[in-house]
Amino acid sequence: MNFQFYLEKLFGSKEFEAFKKDNPDAYPCSCFFGKDLENLKNPDDKQHIDYFVPSIKKIFSFKLEEGVNLVPVELMGDEAPGKIALNYNFEFDDIEDLILRRMEEEGVAEKVQKILLSMQNSEGKDYLVGTAFLSKMGLLKLSVDVSEMKIVDFEKKSFLDIMGIFKK
């Protein structure tokens, strides 16, 4: 999976052309990608690219799994989301390799089952903020600086740790 491939799919669609014509002030605010590593015969992979329309204060998501489908998304809070750049050209397999190398460095032995990544802008920088679901009910919380393709935050948790946090 390549980031630019999904952008080309979006930009070449009639749905996107109509959306941009109706909403010339819209800008990209996030992207969501899910990669299923466990169910290889029928993977549940997801690709969404989201646009914020300042004039009406709404977010619209373009789902790219089967064609291009436009879906309105509820905006949480009053603050407008940051604008993300779309000039990146990376392979999602490279992100997976970054995660696997870091897991090896940190001594994480579980197997990755699914990776969920959301591209977001924070303090003027674009990040892939993600969760990797591991075997034995493990989780990895991570952030990748997209401009440097470097993991800047990495934390292993277990599902039981998460449940303990909610019980407190």
N, C-alpha and C. Protein backbone atom coordinates (compact mmCIF):
# COMPACT_ATOMS: atom_id res chain seq x y z
N MET A 1 0.85 -1.18 0.00
CA MET A 1 0.00 0.00 0.00
C MET A 1 0.90 1.24 0.00
N ASN A 2 0.60 2.16 -0.88
CA ASN A 2 1.38 3.36 -1.03
C ASN A 2 0.47 4.58 -0.82
N PHE A 3 0.94 5.54 -0.05
CA PHE A 3 0.15 6.73 0.27
C PHE A 3 -0.27 7.48 -1.00
N GLN A 4 0.65 7.69 -1.93
CA GLN A 4 0.33 8.43 -3.14
C GLN A 4 -0.69 7.71 -4.01
N PHE A 5 -0.69 6.38 -3.98
CA PHE A 5 -1.67 5.60 -4.74
C PHE A 5 -3.09 5.98 -4.29
N TYR A 6 -3.30 6.08 -2.99
CA TYR A 6 -4.64 6.42 -2.48
C TYR A 6 -5.01 7.86 -2.80
N LEU A 7 -4.03 8.75 -2.78
CA LEU A 7 -4.31 10.14 -3.16
C LEU A 7 -4.73 10.23 -4.63
N GLU A 8 -4.03 9.52 -5.49
CA GLU A 8 -4.38 9.52 -6.91
C GLU A 8 -5.77 8.94 -7.13
N LYS A 9 -6.10 7.90 -6.39
CA LYS A 9 -7.44 7.30 -6.48
C LYS A 9 -8.49 8.33 -6.08
N LEU A 10 -8.23 9.07 -5.00
CA LEU A 10 -9.16 10.10 -4.54
C LEU A 10 -9.26 11.23 -5.55
N PHE A 11 -8.12 11.80 -5.94
CA PHE A 11 -8.10 12.97 -6.82
C PHE A 11 -8.69 12.67 -8.19
N GLY A 12 -8.63 11.44 -8.63
CA GLY A 12 -9.16 11.06 -9.93
C GLY A 12 -10.64 10.70 -9.93
N SER A 13 -11.28 10.79 -8.77
CA SER A 13 -12.68 10.38 -8.68
C SER A 13 -13.64 11.54 -8.95
N LYS A 14 -14.79 11.20 -9.48
CA LYS A 14 -15.85 12.18 -9.72
C LYS A 14 -16.38 12.73 -8.40
N GLU A 15 -16.43 11.89 -7.37
CA GLU A 15 -16.93 12.32 -6.06
C GLU A 15 -16.07 13.44 -5.50
N PHE A 16 -14.75 13.29 -5.63
CA PHE A 16 -13.85 14.32 -5.10
C PHE A 16 -13.93 15.60 -5.92
N GLU A 17 -14.00 15.46 -7.23
CA GLU A 17 -14.12 16.64 -8.09
C GLU A 17 -15.36 17.45 -7.73
N ALA A 18 -16.49 16.77 -7.54
CA ALA A 18 -17.74 17.45 -7.17
C ALA A 18 -17.63 18.09 -5.79
N PHE A 19 -17.01 17.38 -4.86
CA PHE A 19 -16.83 17.90 -3.50
C PHE A 19 -15.99 19.18 -3.52
N LYS A 20 -14.87 19.17 -4.23
CA LYS A 20 -14.00 20.35 -4.27
C LYS A 20 -14.68 21.52 -4.98
N LYS A 21 -15.51 21.22 -5.98
CA LYS A 21 -16.24 22.28 -6.67
C LYS A 21 -17.24 22.94 -5.72
N ASP A 22 -17.91 22.12 -4.91
CA ASP A 22 -18.90 22.63 -3.95
C ASP A 22 -18.26 23.23 -2.71
N ASN A 23 -17.03 22.82 -2.39
CA ASN A 23 -16.36 23.25 -1.16
C ASN A 23 -14.91 23.66 -1.44
N PRO A 24 -14.73 24.79 -2.14
CA PRO A 24 -13.37 25.17 -2.54
C PRO A 24 -12.45 25.49 -1.36
N ASP A 25 -13.02 25.75 -0.18
CA ASP A 25 -12.18 26.06 0.99
C ASP A 25 -11.78 24.82 1.78
N ALA A 26 -12.20 23.64 1.34
CA ALA A 26 -11.89 22.40 2.07
C ALA A 26 -10.40 22.11 2.02
N TYR A 27 -9.90 21.54 3.14
CA TYR A 27 -8.48 21.15 3.18
C TYR A 27 -8.35 19.80 3.88
N PRO A 28 -7.29 19.04 3.53
CA PRO A 28 -7.10 17.73 4.16
C PRO A 28 -6.71 17.90 5.63
N CYS A 29 -7.41 17.16 6.51
CA CYS A 29 -7.14 17.31 7.94
C CYS A 29 -6.71 16.00 8.61
N SER A 30 -6.97 14.87 7.99
CA SER A 30 -6.52 13.60 8.56
C SER A 30 -6.67 12.49 7.54
N CYS A 31 -5.99 11.41 7.81
CA CYS A 31 -6.11 10.19 7.01
C CYS A 31 -6.14 9.03 7.98
N PHE A 32 -6.84 8.00 7.63
CA PHE A 32 -6.91 6.80 8.47
C PHE A 32 -6.58 5.59 7.61
N PHE A 33 -5.71 4.74 8.13
CA PHE A 33 -5.32 3.53 7.43
C PHE A 33 -5.31 2.36 8.39
N GLY A 34 -5.92 1.29 8.00
CA GLY A 34 -5.91 0.06 8.79
C GLY A 34 -5.37 -1.07 7.94
N LYS A 35 -4.44 -1.81 8.50
CA LYS A 35 -3.85 -2.94 7.78
C LYS A 35 -4.01 -4.20 8.62
N ASP A 36 -4.72 -5.17 8.05
CA ASP A 36 -4.98 -6.45 8.72
C ASP A 36 -3.87 -7.42 8.34
N LEU A 37 -3.07 -7.84 9.31
CA LEU A 37 -1.96 -8.74 9.06
C LEU A 37 -2.29 -10.18 9.42
N GLU A 38 -3.46 -10.39 9.99
CA GLU A 38 -3.82 -11.73 10.45
C GLU A 38 -4.66 -12.48 9.42
N ASN A 39 -5.62 -11.80 8.83
CA ASN A 39 -6.54 -12.42 7.89
C ASN A 39 -6.07 -12.11 6.46
N LEU A 40 -5.07 -12.82 5.99
CA LEU A 40 -4.45 -12.49 4.71
C LEU A 40 -5.31 -12.86 3.51
N LYS A 41 -6.20 -13.84 3.64
CA LYS A 41 -7.06 -14.23 2.52
C LYS A 41 -8.16 -13.20 2.27
N ASN A 42 -8.67 -12.61 3.33
CA ASN A 42 -9.75 -11.62 3.21
C ASN A 42 -9.47 -10.49 4.20
N PRO A 43 -8.42 -9.69 3.94
CA PRO A 43 -8.04 -8.65 4.91
C PRO A 43 -9.09 -7.55 5.03
N ASP A 44 -9.17 -7.00 6.23
CA ASP A 44 -10.09 -5.91 6.52
C ASP A 44 -9.30 -4.60 6.53
N ASP A 45 -8.66 -4.28 5.40
CA ASP A 45 -7.87 -3.06 5.28
C ASP A 45 -8.79 -1.87 5.06
N LYS A 46 -8.41 -0.71 5.61
CA LYS A 46 -9.20 0.51 5.49
C LYS A 46 -8.31 1.66 5.05
N GLN A 47 -8.88 2.56 4.25
CA GLN A 47 -8.19 3.77 3.82
C GLN A 47 -9.23 4.89 3.72
N HIS A 48 -9.04 5.92 4.53
CA HIS A 48 -9.95 7.08 4.51
C HIS A 48 -9.09 8.34 4.48
N ILE A 49 -9.52 9.31 3.70
CA ILE A 49 -8.87 10.61 3.68
C ILE A 49 -9.95 11.65 4.00
N ASP A 50 -9.68 12.45 5.03
CA ASP A 50 -10.68 13.37 5.56
C ASP A 50 -10.36 14.82 5.21
N TYR A 51 -11.44 15.56 4.90
CA TYR A 51 -11.33 16.98 4.57
C TYR A 51 -12.23 17.78 5.50
N PHE A 52 -11.70 18.93 5.94
CA PHE A 52 -12.47 19.86 6.77
C PHE A 52 -12.91 21.02 5.89
N VAL A 53 -14.18 21.40 6.04
CA VAL A 53 -14.74 22.54 5.29
C VAL A 53 -14.99 23.66 6.30
N PRO A 54 -14.09 24.66 6.36
CA PRO A 54 -14.21 25.73 7.36
C PRO A 54 -15.51 26.53 7.26
N SER A 55 -16.00 26.76 6.05
CA SER A 55 -17.19 27.60 5.89
C SER A 55 -18.43 26.99 6.54
N ILE A 56 -18.48 25.68 6.68
CA ILE A 56 -19.64 25.04 7.33
C ILE A 56 -19.24 24.25 8.58
N LYS A 57 -17.93 24.29 8.90
CA LYS A 57 -17.39 23.62 10.10
C LYS A 57 -17.78 22.14 10.17
N LYS A 58 -17.52 21.44 9.06
CA LYS A 58 -17.81 20.01 9.01
C LYS A 58 -16.64 19.25 8.39
N ILE A 59 -16.54 17.98 8.78
CA ILE A 59 -15.53 17.08 8.22
C ILE A 59 -16.23 16.06 7.35
N PHE A 60 -15.60 15.75 6.22
CA PHE A 60 -16.10 14.72 5.32
C PHE A 60 -14.97 13.72 5.08
N SER A 61 -15.32 12.46 5.15
CA SER A 61 -14.34 11.39 4.96
C SER A 61 -14.59 10.70 3.63
N PHE A 62 -13.53 10.50 2.88
CA PHE A 62 -13.60 9.73 1.65
C PHE A 62 -13.10 8.33 1.96
N LYS A 63 -14.02 7.37 1.94
CA LYS A 63 -13.66 5.98 2.16
C LYS A 63 -13.20 5.40 0.83
N LEU A 64 -12.04 4.78 0.83
CA LEU A 64 -11.43 4.34 -0.42
C LEU A 64 -11.36 2.82 -0.57
N GLU A 65 -12.01 2.08 0.32
CA GLU A 65 -11.92 0.62 0.24
C GLU A 65 -12.57 0.07 -1.02
N GLU A 66 -13.76 0.51 -1.32
CA GLU A 66 -14.50 0.04 -2.50
C GLU A 66 -14.93 1.27 -3.30
N GLY A 67 -14.10 1.67 -4.24
CA GLY A 67 -14.39 2.91 -4.96
C GLY A 67 -14.07 4.09 -4.08
N VAL A 68 -14.82 5.17 -4.24
CA VAL A 68 -14.66 6.38 -3.43
C VAL A 68 -16.04 6.76 -2.92
N ASN A 69 -16.23 6.69 -1.60
CA ASN A 69 -17.51 7.02 -0.98
C ASN A 69 -17.34 8.16 0.00
N LEU A 70 -18.16 9.20 -0.14
CA LEU A 70 -18.11 10.37 0.72
C LEU A 70 -19.06 10.18 1.90
N VAL A 71 -18.51 10.36 3.13
CA VAL A 71 -19.29 10.17 4.34
C VAL A 71 -19.07 11.37 5.26
N PRO A 72 -20.15 12.03 5.74
CA PRO A 72 -19.97 13.11 6.71
C PRO A 72 -19.51 12.55 8.05
N VAL A 73 -18.66 13.31 8.75
CA VAL A 73 -18.13 12.89 10.04
C VAL A 73 -18.46 13.98 11.05
N GLU A 74 -18.81 13.58 12.25
CA GLU A 74 -19.13 14.55 13.28
C GLU A 74 -17.85 15.17 13.83
N LEU A 75 -17.82 16.49 13.90
CA LEU A 75 -16.68 17.22 14.43
C LEU A 75 -16.76 17.23 15.95
N MET A 76 -15.71 16.77 16.59
CA MET A 76 -15.65 16.76 18.05
C MET A 76 -15.02 18.07 18.52
N GLY A 77 -15.73 18.81 19.33
CA GLY A 77 -15.21 20.07 19.84
C GLY A 77 -15.42 21.21 18.86
N ASP A 78 -14.97 22.39 19.25
CA ASP A 78 -15.16 23.59 18.45
C ASP A 78 -13.93 23.96 17.64
N GLU A 79 -12.79 23.36 17.96
CA GLU A 79 -11.55 23.73 17.31
C GLU A 79 -11.42 23.07 15.94
N ALA A 80 -11.02 23.86 14.96
CA ALA A 80 -10.82 23.33 13.61
C ALA A 80 -9.57 22.44 13.60
N PRO A 81 -9.63 21.32 12.91
CA PRO A 81 -8.45 20.44 12.85
C PRO A 81 -7.35 21.07 12.02
N GLY A 82 -6.12 20.69 12.31
CA GLY A 82 -4.97 21.19 11.57
C GLY A 82 -4.93 20.62 10.16
N LYS A 83 -4.27 21.34 9.28
CA LYS A 83 -4.13 20.90 7.89
C LYS A 83 -2.92 19.98 7.79
N ILE A 84 -3.11 18.85 7.11
CA ILE A 84 -1.99 17.94 6.88
C ILE A 84 -1.48 18.13 5.45
N ALA A 85 -0.19 17.85 5.26
CA ALA A 85 0.40 17.91 3.92
C ALA A 85 0.14 16.57 3.22
N LEU A 86 0.05 16.61 1.92
CA LEU A 86 -0.19 15.40 1.15
C LEU A 86 0.98 15.08 0.22
N ASN A 87 2.12 15.71 0.47
CA ASN A 87 3.27 15.53 -0.42
C ASN A 87 4.19 14.39 0.01
N TYR A 88 3.72 13.50 0.85
CA TYR A 88 4.53 12.38 1.30
C TYR A 88 4.38 11.20 0.34
N ASN A 89 5.44 10.44 0.22
CA ASN A 89 5.40 9.26 -0.62
C ASN A 89 6.03 8.11 0.15
N PHE A 90 5.21 7.39 0.88
CA PHE A 90 5.73 6.28 1.68
C PHE A 90 4.88 5.04 1.46
N GLU A 91 5.51 3.92 1.73
CA GLU A 91 4.84 2.62 1.66
C GLU A 91 4.42 2.24 3.07
N PHE A 92 3.24 1.68 3.19
CA PHE A 92 2.79 1.24 4.51
C PHE A 92 3.60 0.04 4.99
N ASP A 93 4.16 -0.72 4.07
CA ASP A 93 5.05 -1.82 4.46
C ASP A 93 6.29 -1.27 5.16
N ASP A 94 6.75 -0.08 4.77
CA ASP A 94 7.91 0.54 5.42
C ASP A 94 7.56 0.94 6.86
N ILE A 95 6.34 1.41 7.07
CA ILE A 95 5.90 1.75 8.43
C ILE A 95 5.83 0.47 9.27
N GLU A 96 5.30 -0.58 8.68
CA GLU A 96 5.24 -1.88 9.37
C GLU A 96 6.66 -2.33 9.75
N ASP A 97 7.62 -2.18 8.83
CA ASP A 97 9.00 -2.56 9.11
C ASP A 97 9.58 -1.73 10.25
N LEU A 98 9.28 -0.42 10.28
CA LEU A 98 9.73 0.43 11.39
C LEU A 98 9.21 -0.11 12.72
N ILE A 99 7.95 -0.48 12.73
CA ILE A 99 7.33 -0.99 13.96
C ILE A 99 7.98 -2.31 14.37
N LEU A 100 8.18 -3.20 13.42
CA LEU A 100 8.77 -4.51 13.72
C LEU A 100 10.20 -4.37 14.24
N ARG A 101 10.98 -3.46 13.64
CA ARG A 101 12.36 -3.23 14.11
C ARG A 101 12.35 -2.69 15.54
N ARG A 102 11.45 -1.75 15.80
CA ARG A 102 11.38 -1.17 17.16
C ARG A 102 10.92 -2.22 18.17
N MET A 103 9.98 -3.07 17.75
CA MET A 103 9.55 -4.16 18.64
C MET A 103 10.74 -5.05 19.00
N GLU A 104 11.56 -5.36 18.01
CA GLU A 104 12.74 -6.20 18.26
C GLU A 104 13.69 -5.51 19.23
N GLU A 105 13.94 -4.20 19.02
CA GLU A 105 14.82 -3.43 19.91
C GLU A 105 14.29 -3.40 21.34
N GLU A 106 12.97 -3.34 21.49
CA GLU A 106 12.34 -3.24 22.81
C GLU A 106 12.06 -4.62 23.42
N GLY A 107 12.35 -5.69 22.68
CA GLY A 107 12.14 -7.04 23.20
C GLY A 107 10.68 -7.47 23.21
N VAL A 108 9.88 -6.90 22.32
CA VAL A 108 8.47 -7.28 22.22
C VAL A 108 8.38 -8.49 21.28
N ALA A 109 7.94 -9.63 21.83
CA ALA A 109 7.97 -10.88 21.07
C ALA A 109 6.62 -11.24 20.43
N GLU A 110 5.55 -10.59 20.82
CA GLU A 110 4.23 -10.92 20.27
C GLU A 110 4.17 -10.63 18.78
N LYS A 111 3.19 -11.21 18.14
CA LYS A 111 2.98 -11.05 16.70
C LYS A 111 1.98 -9.92 16.44
N VAL A 112 2.27 -9.07 15.45
CA VAL A 112 1.36 -7.98 15.09
C VAL A 112 0.19 -8.57 14.29
N GLN A 113 -1.03 -8.25 14.73
CA GLN A 113 -2.23 -8.74 14.06
C GLN A 113 -2.88 -7.67 13.18
N LYS A 114 -2.87 -6.43 13.65
CA LYS A 114 -3.50 -5.34 12.91
C LYS A 114 -2.81 -4.04 13.29
N ILE A 115 -2.69 -3.15 12.30
CA ILE A 115 -2.11 -1.83 12.53
C ILE A 115 -3.12 -0.79 12.10
N LEU A 116 -3.41 0.16 12.99
CA LEU A 116 -4.29 1.29 12.69
C LEU A 116 -3.46 2.56 12.79
N LEU A 117 -3.50 3.38 11.75
CA LEU A 117 -2.72 4.62 11.71
C LEU A 117 -3.61 5.79 11.32
N SER A 118 -3.42 6.91 11.98
CA SER A 118 -4.14 8.12 11.64
C SER A 118 -3.12 9.24 11.45
N MET A 119 -3.11 9.83 10.25
CA MET A 119 -2.21 10.97 10.02
C MET A 119 -2.90 12.22 10.54
N GLN A 120 -2.17 12.94 11.39
CA GLN A 120 -2.70 14.15 12.00
C GLN A 120 -1.60 15.19 12.09
N ASN A 121 -2.01 16.45 12.18
CA ASN A 121 -1.06 17.52 12.35
C ASN A 121 -1.12 17.99 13.80
N SER A 122 0.05 18.05 14.41
CA SER A 122 0.14 18.52 15.79
C SER A 122 1.33 19.47 15.88
N GLU A 123 1.06 20.67 16.32
CA GLU A 123 2.09 21.70 16.49
C GLU A 123 2.92 21.91 15.22
N GLY A 124 2.21 21.88 14.07
CA GLY A 124 2.86 22.17 12.80
C GLY A 124 3.58 21.00 12.15
N LYS A 125 3.51 19.82 12.75
CA LYS A 125 4.17 18.64 12.17
C LYS A 125 3.13 17.55 11.93
N ASP A 126 3.37 16.77 10.88
CA ASP A 126 2.47 15.66 10.57
C ASP A 126 3.01 14.37 11.21
N TYR A 127 2.09 13.65 11.83
CA TYR A 127 2.42 12.40 12.50
C TYR A 127 1.44 11.31 12.08
N LEU A 128 1.95 10.09 12.04
CA LEU A 128 1.08 8.93 11.97
C LEU A 128 0.96 8.44 13.41
N VAL A 129 -0.22 8.63 13.97
CA VAL A 129 -0.49 8.19 15.33
C VAL A 129 -1.15 6.84 15.21
N GLY A 130 -0.61 5.84 15.91
CA GLY A 130 -1.13 4.51 15.66
C GLY A 130 -1.25 3.61 16.86
N THR A 131 -1.96 2.53 16.58
CA THR A 131 -2.10 1.43 17.52
C THR A 131 -1.85 0.15 16.73
N ALA A 132 -1.03 -0.71 17.29
CA ALA A 132 -0.82 -2.03 16.71
C ALA A 132 -1.38 -3.04 17.70
N PHE A 133 -2.27 -3.89 17.22
CA PHE A 133 -2.84 -4.95 18.06
C PHE A 133 -1.94 -6.17 17.95
N LEU A 134 -1.57 -6.71 19.12
CA LEU A 134 -0.64 -7.83 19.17
C LEU A 134 -1.34 -9.09 19.66
N SER A 135 -0.69 -10.21 19.41
CA SER A 135 -1.18 -11.47 19.99
C SER A 135 -1.08 -11.36 21.51
N LYS A 136 -1.76 -12.24 22.21
CA LYS A 136 -1.77 -12.27 23.68
C LYS A 136 -2.32 -10.98 24.28
N MET A 137 -3.28 -10.37 23.61
CA MET A 137 -3.99 -9.17 24.06
C MET A 137 -3.06 -7.98 24.33
N GLY A 138 -2.01 -7.85 23.52
CA GLY A 138 -1.09 -6.74 23.67
C GLY A 138 -1.43 -5.61 22.71
N LEU A 139 -0.96 -4.43 23.03
CA LEU A 139 -1.15 -3.23 22.22
C LEU A 139 0.15 -2.45 22.16
N LEU A 140 0.37 -1.81 21.04
CA LEU A 140 1.45 -0.84 20.94
C LEU A 140 0.82 0.50 20.61
N LYS A 141 1.18 1.53 21.34
CA LYS A 141 0.78 2.90 21.03
C LYS A 141 2.02 3.57 20.47
N LEU A 142 1.89 4.22 19.31
CA LEU A 142 3.08 4.78 18.69
C LEU A 142 2.75 6.03 17.88
N SER A 143 3.80 6.81 17.65
CA SER A 143 3.72 7.98 16.77
C SER A 143 4.93 7.97 15.87
N VAL A 144 4.69 8.23 14.58
CA VAL A 144 5.76 8.29 13.59
C VAL A 144 5.78 9.70 13.03
N ASP A 145 6.95 10.35 13.11
CA ASP A 145 7.14 11.65 12.47
C ASP A 145 7.23 11.38 10.98
N VAL A 146 6.24 11.83 10.22
CA VAL A 146 6.15 11.48 8.80
C VAL A 146 7.28 12.12 7.99
N SER A 147 7.70 13.31 8.34
CA SER A 147 8.75 13.98 7.57
C SER A 147 10.09 13.26 7.69
N GLU A 148 10.32 12.60 8.81
CA GLU A 148 11.59 11.89 9.02
C GLU A 148 11.43 10.37 8.96
N MET A 149 10.19 9.90 8.89
CA MET A 149 9.89 8.46 8.92
C MET A 149 10.63 7.79 10.08
N LYS A 150 10.35 8.35 11.26
CA LYS A 150 11.02 7.90 12.47
C LYS A 150 9.99 7.78 13.59
N ILE A 151 10.05 6.68 14.35
CA ILE A 151 9.15 6.51 15.49
C ILE A 151 9.62 7.44 16.60
N VAL A 152 8.72 8.32 17.05
CA VAL A 152 9.07 9.28 18.10
C VAL A 152 8.40 8.95 19.43
N ASP A 153 7.43 8.05 19.40
CA ASP A 153 6.76 7.63 20.63
C ASP A 153 6.39 6.16 20.47
N PHE A 154 6.69 5.35 21.47
CA PHE A 154 6.45 3.91 21.38
C PHE A 154 6.20 3.39 22.79
N GLU A 155 5.05 2.76 22.99
CA GLU A 155 4.71 2.23 24.30
C GLU A 155 3.92 0.94 24.15
N LYS A 156 4.36 -0.09 24.86
CA LYS A 156 3.65 -1.37 24.85
C LYS A 156 2.72 -1.40 26.05
N LYS A 157 1.49 -1.87 25.79
CA LYS A 157 0.50 -2.02 26.84
C LYS A 157 -0.19 -3.36 26.63
N SER A 158 -0.90 -3.77 27.65
CA SER A 158 -1.74 -4.94 27.49
C SER A 158 -3.19 -4.50 27.62
N PHE A 159 -4.08 -5.29 27.10
CA PHE A 159 -5.50 -4.99 27.20
C PHE A 159 -5.89 -4.86 28.67
N LEU A 160 -5.28 -5.67 29.52
CA LEU A 160 -5.59 -5.62 30.95
C LEU A 160 -5.12 -4.30 31.57
N ASP A 161 -4.00 -3.75 31.09
CA ASP A 161 -3.55 -2.43 31.56
C ASP A 161 -4.60 -1.38 31.23
N ILE A 162 -5.13 -1.43 30.04
CA ILE A 162 -6.14 -0.47 29.60
C ILE A 162 -7.38 -0.60 30.47
N MET A 163 -7.82 -1.81 30.72
CA MET A 163 -9.00 -2.02 31.57
C MET A 163 -8.75 -1.51 32.97
N GLY A 164 -7.56 -1.66 33.49
CA GLY A 164 -7.22 -1.17 34.82
C GLY A 164 -7.31 0.34 34.89
N ILE A 165 -6.91 1.02 33.81
CA ILE A 165 -6.99 2.47 33.77
C ILE A 165 -8.44 2.91 33.84
N PHE A 166 -9.31 2.23 33.13
CA PHE A 166 -10.72 2.63 33.11
C PHE A 166 -11.40 2.34 34.45
N LYS A 167 -10.91 1.37 35.21
CA LYS A 167 -11.53 1.03 36.49
C LYS A 167 -11.21 2.04 37.57
N LYS A 168 -10.10 2.79 37.43
CA LYS A 168 -9.67 3.72 38.46
C LYS A 168 -10.54 4.94 38.54
